[in-house]
Amino acid sequence: MQKLTFTAQNYVGIDSINQLPNELKRYSPKKIIIITDQILIELGLLKSIFSILESNDIEYTVFSGVEPEPSIQLAQRLVDFVQKEQGDFIIGIGGGSALDLAKLAAVLSCQEGKVEE
């Protein structure tokens, strides 16, 4: 199992993106997994994040399947995705479901077993 960076830091609000460069310096991630929903991507709200990561030569991948009131099956798909992608840092962007799923993925993707357990 890979080891993910799981910090006690949560940034909320309009200027939260300004904290990302500091976190990148602090943790030096090699591959980031972004957890969000498709609507935020379609609205272009992640472009600044992608730009920051690309300008720092950091590989990233996106799981954009977050839904309101996510099912156990969706949570398991996310954990499987994170395990397969072998990222070392997770960023959750969006509302409560995205943030809760990001925390769940950070913890469970490094463990044995299934979400339903």
Protein backbone atom coordinates (compact mmCIF):
# COMPACT_ATOMS: atom_id res chain seq x y z
CA MET A 1 0.00 0.00 0.00
CA GLN A 2 1.21 3.47 -0.80
CA LYS A 3 1.58 6.15 1.82
CA LEU A 4 -0.43 9.32 1.33
CA THR A 5 0.10 12.67 2.93
CA PHE A 6 -2.79 13.28 5.31
CA THR A 7 -2.52 16.57 7.12
CA ALA A 8 -4.70 18.30 9.64
CA GLN A 9 -4.89 21.28 7.30
CA ASN A 10 -8.11 22.31 5.65
CA TYR A 11 -8.35 25.54 3.72
CA VAL A 12 -11.77 27.00 3.10
CA GLY A 13 -12.81 30.17 1.32
CA ILE A 14 -12.21 32.32 -1.69
CA ASP A 15 -8.44 32.71 -1.33
CA SER A 16 -7.71 29.14 -0.24
CA ILE A 17 -5.86 28.49 -3.48
CA ASN A 18 -3.14 30.87 -2.31
CA GLN A 19 -2.10 28.27 0.29
CA LEU A 20 -1.37 25.59 -2.30
CA PRO A 21 2.19 26.68 -3.20
CA ASN A 22 3.16 26.64 0.49
CA GLU A 23 1.72 23.14 0.93
CA LEU A 24 3.57 21.94 -2.16
CA LYS A 25 6.84 23.22 -0.69
CA ARG A 26 6.08 21.70 2.70
CA TYR A 27 5.23 18.18 1.47
CA SER A 28 6.99 17.92 -1.92
CA PRO A 29 4.40 15.60 -3.45
CA LYS A 30 5.30 13.61 -6.56
CA LYS A 31 1.74 12.87 -7.71
CA ILE A 32 -1.43 14.55 -6.52
CA ILE A 33 -4.93 13.14 -6.72
CA ILE A 34 -7.64 15.78 -6.96
CA ILE A 35 -11.11 14.74 -5.82
CA THR A 36 -13.99 16.89 -7.05
CA ASP A 37 -17.15 16.84 -9.14
CA GLN A 38 -17.52 17.26 -12.88
CA ILE A 39 -19.49 20.51 -12.58
CA LEU A 40 -16.57 22.36 -10.98
CA ILE A 41 -14.30 21.21 -13.80
CA GLU A 42 -16.81 22.26 -16.46
CA LEU A 43 -17.11 25.69 -14.83
CA GLY A 44 -13.33 26.08 -15.05
CA LEU A 45 -12.91 26.47 -11.30
CA LEU A 46 -9.92 24.14 -11.15
CA LYS A 47 -7.86 25.83 -13.86
CA SER A 48 -5.81 27.81 -11.34
CA ILE A 49 -5.01 24.65 -9.40
CA PHE A 50 -3.97 22.83 -12.56
CA SER A 51 -1.81 25.81 -13.49
CA ILE A 52 -0.04 25.86 -10.13
CA LEU A 53 0.66 22.13 -10.29
CA GLU A 54 1.87 22.28 -13.89
CA SER A 55 4.15 25.26 -13.18
CA ASN A 56 5.69 23.24 -10.35
CA ASP A 57 6.10 20.15 -12.57
CA ILE A 58 3.85 18.07 -10.33
CA GLU A 59 1.95 15.20 -11.87
CA TYR A 60 -1.73 15.03 -11.02
CA THR A 61 -4.85 13.09 -11.84
CA VAL A 62 -8.48 13.91 -11.22
CA PHE A 63 -11.36 11.87 -9.85
CA SER A 64 -14.42 13.88 -10.87
CA GLY A 65 -17.15 11.42 -9.97
CA VAL A 66 -18.20 13.01 -6.67
CA GLU A 67 -21.96 13.12 -6.17
CA PRO A 68 -24.14 14.55 -3.39
CA GLU A 69 -24.84 11.95 -0.69
CA PRO A 70 -22.29 9.51 -2.13
CA SER A 71 -22.98 5.79 -1.93
CA ILE A 72 -20.67 3.18 -0.45
CA GLN A 73 -20.10 1.95 -4.00
CA LEU A 74 -18.90 5.39 -5.11
CA ALA A 75 -16.62 5.61 -2.08
CA GLN A 76 -15.15 2.20 -2.94
CA ARG A 77 -14.60 3.25 -6.57
CA LEU A 78 -12.71 6.27 -5.30
CA VAL A 79 -10.55 4.24 -2.91
CA ASP A 80 -9.78 1.79 -5.73
CA PHE A 81 -8.91 4.73 -8.00
CA VAL A 82 -6.53 6.23 -5.43
CA GLN A 83 -4.83 2.86 -4.86
CA LYS A 84 -4.43 2.32 -8.61
CA GLU A 85 -3.06 5.82 -9.28
CA GLN A 86 -0.43 5.61 -6.53
CA GLY A 87 -0.58 9.29 -5.62
CA ASP A 88 1.08 10.62 -2.50
CA PHE A 89 -1.07 13.71 -1.84
CA ILE A 90 -4.83 14.28 -2.04
CA ILE A 91 -6.68 17.53 -2.63
CA GLY A 92 -10.45 17.59 -2.14
CA ILE A 93 -12.26 20.46 -3.83
CA GLY A 94 -15.93 21.23 -3.51
CA GLY A 95 -18.62 20.79 -0.94
CA GLY A 96 -19.00 18.39 1.94
CA SER A 97 -19.20 15.25 -0.18
CA ALA A 98 -15.92 15.98 -1.99
CA LEU A 99 -14.12 16.83 1.23
CA ASP A 100 -15.49 13.82 3.10
CA LEU A 101 -14.58 11.49 0.25
CA ALA A 102 -11.08 12.97 0.05
CA LYS A 103 -10.54 12.28 3.75
CA LEU A 104 -11.97 8.78 3.40
CA ALA A 105 -9.74 8.03 0.41
CA ALA A 106 -6.63 9.33 2.17
CA VAL A 107 -7.18 6.99 5.09
CA LEU A 108 -8.66 3.87 3.49
CA SER A 109 -6.53 3.70 0.36
CA CYS A 110 -3.56 2.86 2.60
CA GLN A 111 -5.42 0.09 4.41
CA GLU A 112 -6.61 -3.42 3.70
CA GLY A 113 -10.33 -4.09 3.41
CA LYS A 114 -13.33 -2.46 1.84
CA VAL A 115 -15.24 0.76 2.54
CA GLU A 116 -18.34 -1.09 3.71
CA GLU A 117 -16.31 -2.76 6.46
